PDB file of all heavy atoms in Angstrom:
ATOM      1  N   ARG A   1       0.805  -1.256  -0.073  1.00  0.00           N
ATOM      2  CA  ARG A   1      -0.043  -0.004  -0.030  1.00  0.00           C
ATOM      3  C   ARG A   1       0.927   1.172  -0.018  1.00  0.00           C
ATOM      4  O   ARG A   1       1.992   1.168   0.375  1.00  0.00           O
ATOM      5  CB  ARG A   1      -0.923   0.037   1.225  1.00  0.00           C
ATOM      6  CG  ARG A   1      -1.832  -1.089   1.420  1.00  0.00           C
ATOM      7  CD  ARG A   1      -2.322  -1.281   2.829  1.00  0.00           C
ATOM      8  NE  ARG A   1      -2.972  -2.598   3.045  1.00  0.00           N
ATOM      9  CZ  ARG A   1      -4.345  -2.589   2.986  1.00  0.00           C
ATOM     10  NH1 ARG A   1      -4.963  -1.519   2.753  1.00  0.00           N
ATOM     11  NH2 ARG A   1      -4.988  -3.787   3.093  1.00  0.00           N
ATOM     12  N   ALA A   2       0.300   2.336  -0.469  1.00  0.00           N
ATOM     13  CA  ALA A   2       1.049   3.568  -0.410  1.00  0.00           C
ATOM     14  C   ALA A   2      -0.040   4.672  -0.025  1.00  0.00           C
ATOM     15  O   ALA A   2      -1.135   4.434  -0.053  1.00  0.00           O
ATOM     16  CB  ALA A   2       1.662   3.969  -1.608  1.00  0.00           C
ATOM     17  N   GLU A   3       0.469   5.899   0.327  1.00  0.00           N
ATOM     18  CA  GLU A   3      -0.347   7.029   0.595  1.00  0.00           C
ATOM     19  C   GLU A   3      -1.310   7.176  -0.623  1.00  0.00           C
ATOM     20  O   GLU A   3      -0.916   7.398  -1.774  1.00  0.00           O
ATOM     21  CB  GLU A   3       0.466   8.304   0.718  1.00  0.00           C
ATOM     22  CG  GLU A   3      -0.343   9.426   1.298  1.00  0.00           C
ATOM     23  CD  GLU A   3      -0.782   9.231   2.751  1.00  0.00           C
ATOM     24  OE1 GLU A   3       0.095   8.791   3.595  1.00  0.00           O
ATOM     25  OE2 GLU A   3      -1.920   9.586   3.054  1.00  0.00           O
ATOM     26  N   GLY A   4      -2.645   7.023  -0.349  1.00  0.00           N
ATOM     27  CA  GLY A   4      -3.649   7.172  -1.392  1.00  0.00           C
ATOM     28  C   GLY A   4      -3.712   6.035  -2.329  1.00  0.00           C
ATOM     29  O   GLY A   4      -4.444   6.250  -3.432  1.00  0.00           O
ATOM     30  N   TYR A   5      -3.059   4.987  -2.099  1.00  0.00           N
ATOM     31  CA  TYR A   5      -3.051   3.785  -3.045  1.00  0.00           C
ATOM     32  C   TYR A   5      -3.369   2.506  -2.234  1.00  0.00           C
ATOM     33  O   TYR A   5      -2.592   2.117  -1.478  1.00  0.00           O
ATOM     34  CB  TYR A   5      -1.802   3.754  -3.777  1.00  0.00           C
ATOM     35  CG  TYR A   5      -1.599   2.469  -4.656  1.00  0.00           C
ATOM     36  CD1 TYR A   5      -2.398   2.246  -5.729  1.00  0.00           C
ATOM     37  CD2 TYR A   5      -0.569   1.461  -4.319  1.00  0.00           C
ATOM     38  CE1 TYR A   5      -2.243   1.042  -6.534  1.00  0.00           C
ATOM     39  CE2 TYR A   5      -0.384   0.330  -5.102  1.00  0.00           C
ATOM     40  CZ  TYR A   5      -1.286   0.067  -6.184  1.00  0.00           C
ATOM     41  OH  TYR A   5      -1.097  -1.059  -6.976  1.00  0.00           O
ATOM     42  N   ASP A   6      -4.566   1.936  -2.607  1.00  0.00           N
ATOM     43  CA  ASP A   6      -4.911   0.643  -2.018  1.00  0.00           C
ATOM     44  C   ASP A   6      -5.094  -0.384  -3.203  1.00  0.00           C
ATOM     45  O   ASP A   6      -5.999  -0.145  -3.976  1.00  0.00           O
ATOM     46  CB  ASP A   6      -6.293   0.827  -1.197  1.00  0.00           C
ATOM     47  CG  ASP A   6      -6.722  -0.482  -0.695  1.00  0.00           C
ATOM     48  OD1 ASP A   6      -6.203  -1.517  -1.016  1.00  0.00           O
ATOM     49  OD2 ASP A   6      -7.637  -0.530   0.203  1.00  0.00           O
ATOM     50  N   PRO A   7      -4.165  -1.296  -3.273  1.00  0.00           N
ATOM     51  CA  PRO A   7      -4.148  -2.229  -4.428  1.00  0.00           C
ATOM     52  C   PRO A   7      -5.625  -2.955  -4.588  1.00  0.00           C
ATOM     53  O   PRO A   7      -5.958  -3.107  -5.762  1.00  0.00           O
ATOM     54  CB  PRO A   7      -3.148  -3.275  -4.075  1.00  0.00           C
ATOM     55  CG  PRO A   7      -2.363  -2.738  -2.886  1.00  0.00           C
ATOM     56  CD  PRO A   7      -3.122  -1.654  -2.369  1.00  0.00           C
ATOM     57  N   LEU A   8      -6.322  -3.202  -3.531  1.00  0.00           N
ATOM     58  CA  LEU A   8      -7.577  -3.858  -3.620  1.00  0.00           C
ATOM     59  C   LEU A   8      -8.634  -2.940  -4.298  1.00  0.00           C
ATOM     60  O   LEU A   8      -9.236  -3.266  -5.331  1.00  0.00           O
ATOM     61  CB  LEU A   8      -8.092  -4.274  -2.247  1.00  0.00           C
ATOM     62  CG  LEU A   8      -9.478  -4.912  -2.289  1.00  0.00           C
ATOM     63  CD1 LEU A   8      -9.490  -6.200  -3.128  1.00  0.00           C
ATOM     64  CD2 LEU A   8      -9.911  -5.334  -0.927  1.00  0.00           C
ATOM     65  N   GLN A   9      -8.599  -1.614  -3.950  1.00  0.00           N
ATOM     66  CA  GLN A   9      -9.471  -0.644  -4.549  1.00  0.00           C
ATOM     67  C   GLN A   9      -9.195  -0.489  -6.040  1.00  0.00           C
ATOM     68  O   GLN A   9     -10.033  -0.478  -6.919  1.00  0.00           O
ATOM     69  CB  GLN A   9      -9.353   0.748  -3.899  1.00  0.00           C
ATOM     70  CG  GLN A   9      -9.807   0.873  -2.483  1.00  0.00           C
ATOM     71  CD  GLN A   9     -11.349   0.626  -2.339  1.00  0.00           C
ATOM     72  OE1 GLN A   9     -12.052   0.950  -3.171  1.00  0.00           O
ATOM     73  NE2 GLN A   9     -11.760   0.354  -1.167  1.00  0.00           N
ATOM     74  N   LYS A  10      -7.838  -0.463  -6.349  1.00  0.00           N
ATOM     75  CA  LYS A  10      -7.352  -0.312  -7.736  1.00  0.00           C
ATOM     76  C   LYS A  10      -7.739  -1.397  -8.591  1.00  0.00           C
ATOM     77  O   LYS A  10      -8.138  -1.320  -9.691  1.00  0.00           O
ATOM     78  CB  LYS A  10      -5.883  -0.170  -7.641  1.00  0.00           C
ATOM     79  CG  LYS A  10      -5.251   0.127  -9.045  1.00  0.00           C
ATOM     80  CD  LYS A  10      -5.556   1.485  -9.660  1.00  0.00           C
ATOM     81  CE  LYS A  10      -4.900   1.764 -11.025  1.00  0.00           C
ATOM     82  NZ  LYS A  10      -5.587   2.786 -11.662  1.00  0.00           N
ATOM     83  N   LEU A  11      -7.597  -2.711  -7.943  1.00  0.00           N
ATOM     84  CA  LEU A  11      -7.937  -3.926  -8.701  1.00  0.00           C
ATOM     85  C   LEU A  11      -9.486  -3.874  -9.075  1.00  0.00           C
ATOM     86  O   LEU A  11      -9.773  -4.241 -10.156  1.00  0.00           O
ATOM     87  CB  LEU A  11      -7.564  -5.195  -7.913  1.00  0.00           C
ATOM     88  CG  LEU A  11      -7.422  -6.488  -8.612  1.00  0.00           C
ATOM     89  CD1 LEU A  11      -6.145  -6.530  -9.443  1.00  0.00           C
ATOM     90  CD2 LEU A  11      -7.555  -7.710  -7.703  1.00  0.00           C
ATOM     91  N   MET A  12     -10.235  -3.521  -8.041  1.00  0.00           N
ATOM     92  CA  MET A  12     -11.788  -3.575  -8.347  1.00  0.00           C
ATOM     93  C   MET A  12     -12.077  -2.529  -9.528  1.00  0.00           C
ATOM     94  O   MET A  12     -12.939  -2.810 -10.253  1.00  0.00           O
ATOM     95  CB  MET A  12     -12.437  -3.264  -7.025  1.00  0.00           C
ATOM     96  CG  MET A  12     -12.477  -4.454  -6.057  1.00  0.00           C
ATOM     97  SD  MET A  12     -12.839  -3.861  -4.331  1.00  0.00           S
ATOM     98  CE  MET A  12     -14.525  -3.479  -4.407  1.00  0.00           C
ATOM     99  N   GLU A  13     -11.378  -1.438  -9.437  1.00  0.00           N
ATOM    100  CA  GLU A  13     -11.581  -0.368 -10.413  1.00  0.00           C
ATOM    101  C   GLU A  13     -11.193  -0.828 -11.771  1.00  0.00           C
ATOM    102  O   GLU A  13     -11.940  -0.799 -12.786  1.00  0.00           O
ATOM    103  CB  GLU A  13     -10.707   0.799 -10.034  1.00  0.00           C
ATOM    104  CG  GLU A  13     -10.907   2.148 -10.657  1.00  0.00           C
ATOM    105  CD  GLU A  13      -9.884   3.074 -10.246  1.00  0.00           C
ATOM    106  OE1 GLU A  13      -9.772   3.315  -8.909  1.00  0.00           O
ATOM    107  OE2 GLU A  13      -9.121   3.549 -11.074  1.00  0.00           O
ATOM    108  N   LEU A  14      -9.981  -1.556 -11.883  1.00  0.00           N
ATOM    109  CA  LEU A  14      -9.493  -2.100 -13.136  1.00  0.00           C
ATOM    110  C   LEU A  14     -10.475  -3.087 -13.726  1.00  0.00           C
ATOM    111  O   LEU A  14     -10.583  -3.242 -14.996  1.00  0.00           O
ATOM    112  CB  LEU A  14      -8.141  -2.702 -12.954  1.00  0.00           C
ATOM    113  CG  LEU A  14      -6.881  -1.830 -12.930  1.00  0.00           C
ATOM    114  CD1 LEU A  14      -5.637  -2.634 -12.615  1.00  0.00           C
ATOM    115  CD2 LEU A  14      -6.669  -1.045 -14.230  1.00  0.00           C
ATOM    116  N   PHE A  15     -11.014  -3.939 -12.877  1.00  0.00           N
ATOM    117  CA  PHE A  15     -11.881  -5.016 -13.358  1.00  0.00           C
ATOM    118  C   PHE A  15     -13.376  -4.790 -13.271  1.00  0.00           C
ATOM    119  O   PHE A  15     -14.160  -5.743 -13.452  1.00  0.00           O
ATOM    120  CB  PHE A  15     -11.511  -6.363 -12.698  1.00  0.00           C
ATOM    121  CG  PHE A  15     -10.157  -6.876 -13.139  1.00  0.00           C
ATOM    122  CD1 PHE A  15      -8.979  -6.521 -12.503  1.00  0.00           C
ATOM    123  CD2 PHE A  15     -10.042  -7.579 -14.350  1.00  0.00           C
ATOM    124  CE1 PHE A  15      -7.768  -6.985 -12.808  1.00  0.00           C
ATOM    125  CE2 PHE A  15      -8.788  -8.033 -14.884  1.00  0.00           C
ATOM    126  CZ  PHE A  15      -7.657  -7.811 -14.031  1.00  0.00           C
ATOM    127  N   GLU A  16     -13.769  -3.567 -13.171  1.00  0.00           N
ATOM    128  CA  GLU A  16     -15.200  -3.237 -13.050  1.00  0.00           C
ATOM    129  C   GLU A  16     -15.858  -3.499 -14.334  1.00  0.00           C
ATOM    130  O   GLU A  16     -15.383  -3.117 -15.346  1.00  0.00           O
ATOM    131  CB  GLU A  16     -15.422  -1.777 -12.688  1.00  0.00           C
ATOM    132  CG  GLU A  16     -16.734  -1.482 -12.172  1.00  0.00           C
ATOM    133  CD  GLU A  16     -16.940  -0.053 -11.691  1.00  0.00           C
ATOM    134  OE1 GLU A  16     -15.896   0.750 -11.712  1.00  0.00           O
ATOM    135  OE2 GLU A  16     -18.063   0.428 -11.411  1.00  0.00           O
ATOM    136  N   GLY A  17     -16.884  -4.293 -14.269  1.00  0.00           N
ATOM    137  CA  GLY A  17     -17.646  -4.604 -15.467  1.00  0.00           C
ATOM    138  C   GLY A  17     -16.928  -5.603 -16.481  1.00  0.00           C
ATOM    139  O   GLY A  17     -17.426  -5.854 -17.631  1.00  0.00           O
ATOM    140  N   VAL A  18     -15.811  -6.197 -16.048  1.00  0.00           N
ATOM    141  CA  VAL A  18     -15.058  -7.038 -16.931  1.00  0.00           C
ATOM    142  C   VAL A  18     -15.518  -8.493 -16.778  1.00  0.00           C
ATOM    143  O   VAL A  18     -15.562  -8.892 -15.659  1.00  0.00           O
ATOM    144  CB  VAL A  18     -13.584  -6.941 -16.630  1.00  0.00           C
ATOM    145  CG1 VAL A  18     -12.730  -7.937 -17.472  1.00  0.00           C
ATOM    146  CG2 VAL A  18     -12.988  -5.540 -17.062  1.00  0.00           C
ATOM    147  N   ASN A  19     -15.864  -9.127 -17.915  1.00  0.00           N
ATOM    148  CA  ASN A  19     -16.117 -10.643 -17.706  1.00  0.00           C
ATOM    149  C   ASN A  19     -15.473 -11.254 -18.844  1.00  0.00           C
ATOM    150  O   ASN A  19     -14.824 -10.663 -19.754  1.00  0.00           O
ATOM    151  CB  ASN A  19     -17.599 -10.931 -17.726  1.00  0.00           C
ATOM    152  CG  ASN A  19     -18.368 -10.205 -18.876  1.00  0.00           C
ATOM    153  OD1 ASN A  19     -17.830 -10.193 -20.022  1.00  0.00           O
ATOM    154  ND2 ASN A  19     -19.534  -9.864 -18.765  1.00  0.00           N
ATOM    155  N   MET A  20     -15.572 -12.569 -18.906  1.00  0.00           N
ATOM    156  CA  MET A  20     -14.827 -13.339 -19.944  1.00  0.00           C
ATOM    157  C   MET A  20     -15.292 -12.919 -21.332  1.00  0.00           C
ATOM    158  O   MET A  20     -14.558 -12.805 -22.266  1.00  0.00           O
ATOM    159  CB  MET A  20     -15.062 -14.944 -19.778  1.00  0.00           C
ATOM    160  CG  MET A  20     -14.212 -15.532 -18.826  1.00  0.00           C
ATOM    161  SD  MET A  20     -12.488 -15.350 -19.071  1.00  0.00           S
ATOM    162  CE  MET A  20     -12.194 -16.527 -20.357  1.00  0.00           C
ATOM    163  N   LYS A  21     -16.579 -12.671 -21.507  1.00  0.00           N
ATOM    164  CA  LYS A  21     -17.142 -12.328 -22.791  1.00  0.00           C
ATOM    165  C   LYS A  21     -16.589 -11.006 -23.364  1.00  0.00           C
ATOM    166  O   LYS A  21     -16.072 -10.894 -24.386  1.00  0.00           O
ATOM    167  CB  LYS A  21     -18.672 -12.281 -22.751  1.00  0.00           C
ATOM    168  CG  LYS A  21     -19.339 -12.121 -24.024  1.00  0.00           C
ATOM    169  CD  LYS A  21     -20.866 -12.432 -23.894  1.00  0.00           C
ATOM    170  CE  LYS A  21     -21.582 -12.356 -25.266  1.00  0.00           C
ATOM    171  NZ  LYS A  21     -21.822 -11.008 -25.679  1.00  0.00           N
ATOM    172  N   SER A  22     -16.550 -10.040 -22.427  1.00  0.00           N
ATOM    173  CA  SER A  22     -16.123  -8.677 -22.806  1.00  0.00           C
ATOM    174  C   SER A  22     -14.532  -8.716 -23.044  1.00  0.00           C
ATOM    175  O   SER A  22     -14.036  -8.089 -23.903  1.00  0.00           O
ATOM    176  CB  SER A  22     -16.399  -7.667 -21.757  1.00  0.00           C
ATOM    177  OG  SER A  22     -15.583  -7.808 -20.587  1.00  0.00           O
ATOM    178  N   MET A  23     -13.891  -9.502 -22.247  1.00  0.00           N
ATOM    179  CA  MET A  23     -12.412  -9.698 -22.466  1.00  0.00           C
ATOM    180  C   MET A  23     -12.092 -10.302 -23.907  1.00  0.00           C
ATOM    181  O   MET A  23     -11.282  -9.855 -24.548  1.00  0.00           O
ATOM    182  CB  MET A  23     -11.735 -10.523 -21.404  1.00  0.00           C
ATOM    183  CG  MET A  23     -11.316  -9.747 -20.158  1.00  0.00           C
ATOM    184  SD  MET A  23     -10.621 -10.673 -18.920  1.00  0.00           S
ATOM    185  CE  MET A  23      -8.926 -10.913 -19.540  1.00  0.00           C
ATOM    186  N   LYS A  24     -12.935 -11.388 -24.104  1.00  0.00           N
ATOM    187  CA  LYS A  24     -12.648 -12.051 -25.491  1.00  0.00           C
ATOM    188  C   LYS A  24     -12.920 -11.141 -26.619  1.00  0.00           C
ATOM    189  O   LYS A  24     -12.177 -11.111 -27.584  1.00  0.00           O
ATOM    190  CB  LYS A  24     -13.467 -13.350 -25.535  1.00  0.00           C
ATOM    191  CG  LYS A  24     -12.803 -14.529 -24.832  1.00  0.00           C
ATOM    192  CD  LYS A  24     -13.444 -15.785 -25.232  1.00  0.00           C
ATOM    193  CE  LYS A  24     -12.665 -16.993 -24.575  1.00  0.00           C
ATOM    194  NZ  LYS A  24     -13.448 -18.064 -24.008  1.00  0.00           N
ATOM    195  N   GLU A  25     -14.103 -10.410 -26.455  1.00  0.00           N
ATOM    196  CA  GLU A  25     -14.428  -9.502 -27.571  1.00  0.00           C
ATOM    197  C   GLU A  25     -13.276  -8.397 -27.713  1.00  0.00           C
ATOM    198  O   GLU A  25     -13.009  -8.084 -28.886  1.00  0.00           O
ATOM    199  CB  GLU A  25     -15.799  -8.789 -27.232  1.00  0.00           C
ATOM    200  CG  GLU A  25     -16.888  -9.796 -27.586  1.00  0.00           C
ATOM    201  CD  GLU A  25     -18.233  -9.409 -27.028  1.00  0.00           C
ATOM    202  OE1 GLU A  25     -18.348  -8.259 -26.481  1.00  0.00           O
ATOM    203  OE2 GLU A  25     -19.320 -10.131 -27.192  1.00  0.00           O
TER     204      GLU A  25
END
């Protein structure tokens, strides 16, 4: 972690709305 950076929050943000179908497309 770092000041203002939480890897869990970031990961959730990066993968929001991502599923196998959208990734494949």
